Protein backbone atom coordinates (compact mmCIF):
# COMPACT_ATOMS: atom_id res chain seq x y z
CA MET A 1 24.53 33.43 9.48
CA PHE A 2 23.08 32.34 12.83
CA ASP A 3 23.01 35.89 14.18
CA SER A 4 19.97 36.62 12.00
CA VAL A 5 17.91 33.91 13.70
CA ARG A 6 19.38 33.95 17.23
CA ASP A 7 16.73 36.28 18.65
CA ASP A 8 13.90 34.19 17.18
CA VAL A 9 15.30 30.99 18.69
CA ARG A 10 15.74 32.68 22.07
CA ALA A 11 12.18 33.99 21.92
CA THR A 12 10.87 30.48 21.21
CA LEU A 13 12.82 29.10 24.16
CA ASP A 14 11.42 31.85 26.39
CA GLU A 15 7.89 30.94 25.27
CA ILE A 16 8.52 27.29 26.09
CA ARG A 17 9.67 28.20 29.60
CA ALA A 18 6.82 30.66 30.17
CA ALA A 19 4.26 28.02 29.21
CA GLY A 20 5.75 25.55 31.68
CA LEU A 21 6.79 23.26 28.84
CA HIS A 22 10.56 23.37 29.35
CA LYS A 23 12.07 19.92 29.78
CA PRO A 24 15.19 20.05 31.96
CA GLU A 25 17.66 17.18 31.86
CA ARG A 26 18.79 15.71 35.14
CA VAL A 27 22.17 14.05 35.28
CA ILE A 28 22.68 10.81 37.18
CA GLY A 29 26.03 9.49 38.35
CA THR A 30 25.18 5.82 38.79
CA PRO A 31 24.04 2.88 36.67
CA GLN A 32 20.35 2.72 35.79
CA SER A 33 18.58 0.96 38.66
CA ALA A 34 15.69 1.21 41.11
CA THR A 35 17.67 3.94 42.84
CA VAL A 36 19.98 6.43 41.15
CA GLU A 37 22.14 9.31 42.27
CA VAL A 38 21.21 12.67 40.81
CA THR A 39 24.32 14.80 40.32
CA ALA A 40 22.90 17.76 38.36
CA GLY A 41 19.56 19.23 37.37
CA GLY A 42 17.89 18.43 40.68
CA ARG A 43 18.51 17.87 44.37
CA PRO A 44 21.81 15.94 44.60
CA GLY A 45 21.66 12.56 46.26
CA GLU A 46 20.20 9.09 45.94
CA VAL A 47 16.57 8.93 44.84
CA LEU A 48 14.04 6.26 43.92
CA ASN A 49 13.79 6.00 40.15
CA PHE A 50 10.20 5.74 38.89
CA CYS A 51 10.62 7.10 35.36
CA ALA A 52 12.84 4.60 33.52
CA ASN A 53 11.82 1.96 30.98
CA ASN A 54 13.81 -0.57 33.01
CA TYR A 55 10.74 -2.78 33.49
CA LEU A 56 12.51 -5.98 34.50
CA GLY A 57 15.46 -4.33 36.24
CA LEU A 58 17.97 -5.79 33.77
CA ALA A 59 19.83 -2.59 32.89
CA ASP A 60 22.46 -3.29 35.56
CA HIS A 61 21.99 -7.05 35.91
CA PRO A 62 25.40 -8.61 36.68
CA ASP A 63 25.01 -11.34 34.04
CA VAL A 64 24.20 -8.77 31.36
CA VAL A 65 27.14 -6.57 32.38
CA ALA A 66 29.46 -9.62 32.34
CA ALA A 67 28.24 -10.57 28.86
CA ALA A 68 28.96 -7.04 27.67
CA HIS A 69 32.50 -7.15 29.07
CA ALA A 70 33.15 -10.50 27.39
CA ALA A 71 31.76 -9.20 24.10
CA LEU A 72 34.18 -6.26 24.08
CA ASP A 73 37.08 -8.71 24.22
CA ARG A 74 35.56 -11.08 21.66
CA TRP A 75 33.96 -8.69 19.13
CA GLY A 76 35.52 -5.29 19.70
CA TYR A 77 33.91 -1.91 20.32
CA GLY A 78 32.16 -1.00 17.06
CA MET A 79 31.79 -2.02 13.45
CA ALA A 80 32.63 1.28 11.72
CA SER A 81 30.44 0.20 8.83
CA VAL A 82 26.96 -0.67 7.65
CA ARG A 83 25.68 -4.21 7.38
CA PHE A 84 26.01 -4.89 3.66
CA ILE A 85 29.60 -3.60 3.45
CA CYS A 86 31.57 -5.14 6.31
CA GLY A 87 29.33 -4.58 9.30
CA THR A 88 27.80 -7.98 9.92
CA GLN A 89 29.24 -10.27 12.57
CA GLU A 90 28.09 -13.68 13.71
CA VAL A 91 26.68 -12.11 16.87
CA HIS A 92 24.27 -9.98 14.82
CA LYS A 93 22.92 -12.98 12.92
CA GLU A 94 22.60 -14.96 16.14
CA LEU A 95 20.59 -12.18 17.78
CA GLU A 96 18.30 -11.87 14.76
CA ALA A 97 17.64 -15.61 14.84
CA ARG A 98 16.96 -15.59 18.58
CA LEU A 99 14.55 -12.66 18.33
CA SER A 100 12.70 -14.37 15.48
CA ALA A 101 12.25 -17.52 17.55
CA PHE A 102 11.26 -15.60 20.67
CA LEU A 103 8.67 -13.45 18.88
CA GLY A 104 7.33 -16.25 16.66
CA GLN A 105 8.28 -14.51 13.40
CA GLU A 106 10.07 -15.85 10.34
CA ASP A 107 12.99 -13.40 10.32
CA THR A 108 14.35 -10.31 12.06
CA ILE A 109 16.45 -7.34 11.00
CA LEU A 110 18.36 -5.16 13.48
CA TYR A 111 18.42 -1.35 13.49
CA SER A 112 20.26 1.28 15.50
CA SER A 113 16.98 2.12 17.28
CA CYS A 114 13.28 1.35 17.05
CA PHE A 115 12.83 4.91 15.80
CA ASP A 116 14.97 3.90 12.82
CA ALA A 117 13.11 0.61 12.48
CA ASN A 118 9.78 2.41 12.24
CA GLY A 119 11.37 4.95 9.93
CA GLY A 120 12.49 2.23 7.55
CA VAL A 121 9.33 0.16 7.11
CA PHE A 122 6.67 2.29 5.44
CA GLU A 123 8.70 3.85 2.64
CA THR A 124 10.05 0.41 1.75
CA LEU A 125 6.74 -1.48 1.70
CA LEU A 126 4.21 1.11 0.58
CA GLY A 127 3.88 3.27 -2.52
CA ALA A 128 1.46 5.91 -3.71
CA GLU A 129 -1.08 3.24 -4.63
CA ASP A 130 -1.15 1.84 -1.07
CA ALA A 131 -2.76 2.88 2.22
CA VAL A 132 -1.59 2.97 5.83
CA ILE A 133 -4.17 3.13 8.61
CA SER A 134 -2.64 4.38 11.87
CA ASP A 135 -3.94 4.71 15.44
CA ALA A 136 -4.21 8.37 16.47
CA LEU A 137 -1.98 7.87 19.52
CA ASN A 138 0.83 5.99 17.80
CA HIS A 139 4.42 6.83 18.71
CA ALA A 140 6.17 9.74 17.00
CA SER A 141 8.50 7.33 15.20
CA ILE A 142 5.52 5.71 13.47
CA ILE A 143 4.11 9.10 12.53
CA ASP A 144 7.46 10.21 11.10
CA GLY A 145 7.95 6.91 9.30
CA ILE A 146 4.56 7.22 7.63
CA ARG A 147 5.43 10.75 6.51
CA LEU A 148 8.43 9.37 4.62
CA SER A 149 6.21 7.15 2.49
CA LYS A 150 3.98 8.15 -0.41
CA ALA A 151 1.13 5.97 0.78
CA ARG A 152 -2.32 7.40 1.36
CA ARG A 153 -2.75 8.03 5.08
CA PHE A 154 -5.72 7.26 7.29
CA ARG A 155 -5.97 7.80 11.05
CA TYR A 156 -8.45 6.14 13.40
CA ALA A 157 -9.38 7.14 16.95
CA ASN A 158 -7.38 5.40 19.65
CA ARG A 159 -8.44 1.74 19.94
CA ASP A 160 -11.75 2.53 18.23
CA MET A 161 -12.58 -0.50 16.10
CA ALA A 162 -15.63 1.06 14.47
CA ASP A 163 -13.50 3.97 13.31
CA LEU A 164 -10.77 1.61 12.12
CA GLU A 165 -13.30 -0.32 10.05
CA GLN A 166 -14.57 2.91 8.50
CA ARG A 167 -11.03 3.90 7.50
CA LEU A 168 -10.46 0.43 6.03
CA LYS A 169 -13.62 0.80 3.95
CA GLU A 170 -12.38 4.15 2.67
CA ALA A 171 -9.03 2.62 1.73
CA VAL A 172 -10.77 -0.19 -0.16
CA GLU A 173 -13.13 2.23 -1.91
CA GLY A 174 -10.11 4.33 -2.86
CA GLY A 175 -8.60 1.36 -4.66
CA ALA A 176 -5.65 0.81 -2.34
CA ARG A 177 -3.39 -1.99 -3.55
CA ARG A 178 -1.84 -2.80 -0.18
CA LYS A 179 -3.34 -1.87 3.19
CA LEU A 180 -1.31 -1.76 6.40
CA ILE A 181 -2.84 -1.25 9.85
CA VAL A 182 -0.25 0.01 12.34
CA THR A 183 -0.63 0.37 16.10
CA ASP A 184 1.41 0.58 19.26
CA GLY A 185 1.03 -2.59 21.29
CA VAL A 186 1.05 -0.44 24.43
CA PHE A 187 0.56 3.32 24.13
CA SER A 188 3.51 4.85 25.90
CA MET A 189 1.84 7.92 27.40
CA ASP A 190 -1.29 6.12 28.64
CA GLY A 191 -0.40 2.50 29.36
CA TYR A 192 -3.39 1.38 27.28
CA VAL A 193 -3.10 -1.92 25.39
CA ALA A 194 -4.21 -2.20 21.76
CA PRO A 195 -7.08 -4.66 21.06
CA LEU A 196 -5.01 -6.80 18.70
CA ALA A 197 -7.49 -9.66 18.31
CA GLU A 198 -10.13 -7.27 16.99
CA ILE A 199 -7.57 -5.50 14.82
CA CYS A 200 -6.50 -8.81 13.27
CA ASP A 201 -10.14 -9.74 12.66
CA LEU A 202 -10.69 -6.50 10.73
CA ALA A 203 -7.41 -6.94 8.87
CA GLU A 204 -8.47 -10.36 7.63
CA ARG A 205 -11.90 -9.07 6.65
CA TYR A 206 -10.40 -6.25 4.57
CA ASP A 207 -7.25 -8.02 3.36
CA ALA A 208 -4.86 -5.78 5.29
CA MET A 209 -1.52 -6.42 6.95
CA VAL A 210 -0.97 -5.71 10.66
CA MET A 211 2.08 -4.00 12.16
CA VAL A 212 2.65 -3.59 15.91
CA ASP A 213 5.28 -1.48 17.67
CA ASP A 214 5.65 -3.53 20.86
CA SER A 215 8.44 -1.54 22.50
CA HIS A 216 6.59 -1.18 25.83
CA ALA A 217 5.54 -4.83 26.03
CA VAL A 218 8.20 -7.27 24.83
CA GLY A 219 9.94 -8.91 27.77
CA PHE A 220 7.17 -8.62 30.33
CA VAL A 221 3.69 -8.61 28.72
CA GLY A 222 2.17 -11.99 27.90
CA ALA A 223 2.66 -15.30 29.67
CA GLY A 224 6.17 -15.72 28.27
CA GLY A 225 7.02 -12.04 27.90
CA ARG A 226 6.52 -12.11 24.13
CA GLY A 227 4.41 -8.98 24.12
CA THR A 228 0.89 -7.99 23.16
CA PRO A 229 0.52 -10.53 20.30
CA GLU A 230 1.10 -13.30 22.86
CA LEU A 231 -1.22 -11.59 25.35
CA HIS A 232 -4.05 -11.58 22.79
CA GLY A 233 -3.25 -14.95 21.20
CA VAL A 234 -2.47 -13.51 17.75
CA MET A 235 1.25 -14.21 17.36
CA ASN A 236 0.64 -15.96 14.04
CA ARG A 237 -1.67 -13.21 12.75
CA VAL A 238 0.61 -10.18 13.09
CA ASP A 239 2.74 -9.55 10.01
CA ILE A 240 5.28 -7.04 11.36
CA ILE A 241 6.54 -6.45 14.90
CA THR A 242 8.91 -3.59 15.66
CA GLY A 243 10.56 -3.14 19.00
CA THR A 244 13.51 -1.93 20.99
CA LEU A 245 16.39 -3.40 22.94
CA GLY A 246 16.42 -0.18 24.98
CA LYS A 247 13.60 -0.84 27.45
CA ALA A 248 12.83 -4.18 29.12
CA LEU A 249 15.49 -6.00 27.06
CA GLY A 250 18.47 -4.57 28.92
CA GLY A 251 17.84 -0.85 28.41
CA ALA A 252 20.76 -0.06 26.10
CA SER A 253 19.84 0.85 22.52
CA GLY A 254 18.97 -0.78 19.24
CA GLY A 255 15.76 -1.83 17.54
CA TYR A 256 14.42 -4.50 15.24
CA VAL A 257 11.75 -5.49 12.77
CA ALA A 258 10.53 -9.08 13.17
CA ALA A 259 8.27 -10.06 10.30
CA ARG A 260 7.44 -12.36 7.41
CA ALA A 261 10.62 -13.52 5.68
CA GLU A 262 9.89 -11.68 2.44
CA ILE A 263 9.33 -8.39 4.28
CA VAL A 264 12.65 -8.65 6.10
CA ALA A 265 14.43 -9.61 2.88
CA LEU A 266 13.08 -6.49 1.18
CA LEU A 267 14.04 -4.29 4.12
CA ARG A 268 17.62 -5.52 3.86
CA GLN A 269 17.68 -4.32 0.25
CA ARG A 270 15.70 -1.08 0.44
CA SER A 271 15.34 0.22 4.00
CA ARG A 272 17.33 3.45 4.17
CA PRO A 273 18.01 3.57 7.96
CA TYR A 274 19.40 0.04 7.68
CA LEU A 275 21.47 0.64 4.55
CA PHE A 276 22.94 3.97 5.62
CA SER A 277 23.43 3.65 9.40
CA ASN A 278 26.25 1.91 11.23
CA THR A 279 25.61 -1.58 12.52
CA LEU A 280 24.36 -2.06 16.06
CA ALA A 281 27.40 -2.23 18.35
CA PRO A 282 28.38 -5.89 18.87
CA VAL A 283 28.55 -5.42 22.65
CA ILE A 284 24.82 -4.58 22.65
CA ALA A 285 24.00 -7.55 20.43
CA ALA A 286 25.89 -9.94 22.71
CA ALA A 287 24.39 -8.51 25.90
CA SER A 288 20.93 -8.74 24.34
CA LEU A 289 21.49 -12.45 23.75
CA LYS A 290 22.14 -12.82 27.47
CA VAL A 291 18.91 -10.91 28.18
CA LEU A 292 17.00 -13.39 26.02
CA ASP A 293 18.58 -16.20 28.06
CA LEU A 294 17.36 -14.54 31.24
CA LEU A 295 13.85 -14.07 29.86
CA GLU A 296 13.45 -17.85 29.65
CA SER A 297 13.35 -17.95 33.46
CA ALA A 298 12.09 -14.43 34.19
CA GLY A 299 8.65 -15.42 35.41
CA ASP A 300 9.50 -14.24 38.93
CA LEU A 301 10.56 -10.83 37.59
CA ARG A 302 7.33 -10.47 35.64
CA ASP A 303 5.35 -11.49 38.72
CA LYS A 304 7.19 -8.90 40.84
CA LEU A 305 6.58 -6.20 38.24
CA ASN A 306 2.88 -7.04 38.14
CA ALA A 307 2.65 -6.98 41.94
CA ASN A 308 4.40 -3.61 42.13
CA THR A 309 2.13 -2.21 39.43
CA ALA A 310 -1.04 -3.43 41.14
CA LEU A 311 0.09 -2.03 44.51
CA PHE A 312 0.94 1.40 43.11
CA ARG A 313 -2.27 1.70 41.11
CA ARG A 314 -4.42 0.55 44.04
CA ARG A 315 -2.84 2.86 46.60
CA MET A 316 -2.85 5.90 44.30
CA THR A 317 -6.53 5.34 43.54
CA GLU A 318 -7.31 5.02 47.25
CA GLU A 319 -5.48 8.31 47.85
CA GLY A 320 -7.73 10.04 45.31
CA PHE A 321 -5.28 10.57 42.45
CA ASP A 322 -6.53 10.59 38.86
CA ILE A 323 -4.64 7.63 37.42
CA LEU A 324 -5.53 6.25 34.01
CA PRO A 325 -7.15 2.80 34.25
CA GLY A 326 -5.34 -0.38 33.30
CA ASP A 327 -2.83 -2.88 34.63
CA HIS A 328 0.30 -1.93 32.69
CA ALA A 329 3.51 -0.79 34.40
CA ILE A 330 3.05 2.61 32.77
CA ALA A 331 0.84 4.38 35.32
CA PRO A 332 0.04 7.96 34.26
CA VAL A 333 -0.97 10.28 37.10
CA MET A 334 -3.08 12.97 35.42
CA ILE A 335 -2.42 16.57 36.47
CA GLY A 336 -3.77 18.63 33.55
CA ASP A 337 -1.80 21.85 33.85
CA ALA A 338 1.76 21.66 32.53
CA SER A 339 3.26 24.01 35.11
CA GLU A 340 1.58 22.12 37.94
CA ALA A 341 2.89 18.80 36.62
CA GLY A 342 6.42 20.20 36.48
CA ARG A 343 6.13 21.59 40.00
CA MET A 344 4.77 18.29 41.29
CA ALA A 345 7.76 16.46 39.81
CA GLU A 346 10.14 18.91 41.52
CA LEU A 347 8.42 18.42 44.88
CA LEU A 348 8.64 14.67 44.47
CA LEU A 349 12.34 14.88 43.71
CA GLU A 350 12.81 16.87 46.92
CA ARG A 351 11.19 13.92 48.69
CA GLY A 352 13.52 11.42 47.06
CA VAL A 353 11.32 10.21 44.17
CA TYR A 354 12.56 10.82 40.62
CA VAL A 355 9.70 11.21 38.13
CA ILE A 356 9.09 13.47 35.14
CA GLY A 357 6.18 15.72 34.25
CA PHE A 358 5.04 15.19 30.66
CA SER A 359 3.45 18.06 28.79
CA TYR A 360 2.83 19.29 25.26
CA PRO A 361 3.99 18.35 22.63
CA VAL A 362 4.67 14.93 24.16
CA VAL A 363 1.03 14.76 25.27
CA PRO A 364 -1.97 16.86 24.15
CA GLN A 365 -2.51 20.36 25.52
CA GLY A 366 -4.25 20.30 28.89
CA GLN A 367 -3.39 16.64 29.54
CA ALA A 368 -0.09 17.04 31.40
CA ARG A 369 0.77 14.13 33.62
CA ILE A 370 3.44 12.40 35.62
CA ARG A 371 4.12 9.06 33.98
CA VAL A 372 5.16 6.66 36.70
CA GLN A 373 6.90 3.51 35.49
CA LEU A 374 7.18 0.54 37.75
CA SER A 375 10.05 -1.95 37.70
CA ALA A 376 10.66 -5.43 39.02
CA ALA A 377 13.71 -3.90 40.71
CA HIS A 378 11.48 -1.87 43.06
CA SER A 379 10.71 -3.28 46.48
CA THR A 380 7.31 -3.06 48.12
CA GLU A 381 8.77 -0.44 50.44
CA ASP A 382 9.93 1.58 47.40
CA VAL A 383 6.41 1.60 45.97
CA ASN A 384 4.83 2.64 49.25
CA ARG A 385 7.41 5.42 49.70
CA ALA A 386 6.58 6.72 46.24
CA VAL A 387 2.85 6.88 47.00
CA ASP A 388 3.50 8.60 50.33
CA ALA A 389 5.69 11.14 48.52
CA PHE A 390 2.88 11.86 46.05
CA VAL A 391 0.49 12.52 48.92
CA ALA A 392 2.93 14.88 50.64
CA ALA A 393 3.80 16.71 47.41
CA ARG A 394 0.13 17.21 46.59
CA ALA A 395 -0.51 18.66 50.05
CA GLU A 396 2.30 21.18 49.61
CA LEU A 397 1.22 22.05 46.08
CA GLN A 398 -2.34 22.72 47.22
CA GLY A 399 -0.91 24.49 50.27
């Protein structure tokens, strides 16, 4: 059967390569850290890692690794079941309670990933008589989750409050029963932060709920690392927070929805990714509890991350690079052309700096970039070496 489509698939792959949009996978032979060893897909050897979501450097933290080892002995390897059958252990309930307390929400439900969490919310909460109003730059998981629901869909320009208000008016005029505004807390390709205070003001004015995917914020944004709701002082005004355990919170996998108690209760009964996917591995749940312990005294890590971010952004600007404004640890270096971004990433790897060129369909056509991600695990010397490598790579590229 496949023979009839093989040539078409090969032609599509050839088009992807010809357009400079091919995304090779590099293989590393070490734990995730500030430096990694590339073993395939690039120049072999140890390189500085500036493209991981390991914001606080906890992915290989010895206390987290020790907690994972202990959890294997205590809880076993996997659950081999879903939650409502025989897939719920004490460690899962403990993690849900800890996340609820940390995020200031009434209850939390765990998922295999935040992609699944976002995929399980909209269909459960919204019907054909409801409306969802989504930021234009929201993550793909939000877009796909919305597609699964029958709700009427509205999209507003990125962080544009006038446009959001217009869409809310249209939803009201259309007779929407429930209205849900959904936004990324931090937009992953740009490092921009959503204006949550203004969003909550509009939500209250138009009787809408607010949902935030805070995957690129929880752990290090806000005074206590509780994310963009804490940063903007609206922790008690956000109805639904989705997030991941796979970035700042240890970097493994798993996601969650932290929300009003009634919303979580309904998700446990109706959310398809929760009901039909295996339980989060207990070793991840236990290690995540240790991460939450560490976050209570992680002020020094957040300070180091902020210092590294400020240094990189300042030096890159001084060197004349087009870097999107902001102060988040996501620091996109704009290139424009997809092929040039890919070539720049290769030249940087040759100079011992591991970054990735992002191009369509991950970002819009003509807006290819190298998304640099800072970590608390980087030293000041690491950051300066990365900037120097950018300067040298640019010189060779312009040749």
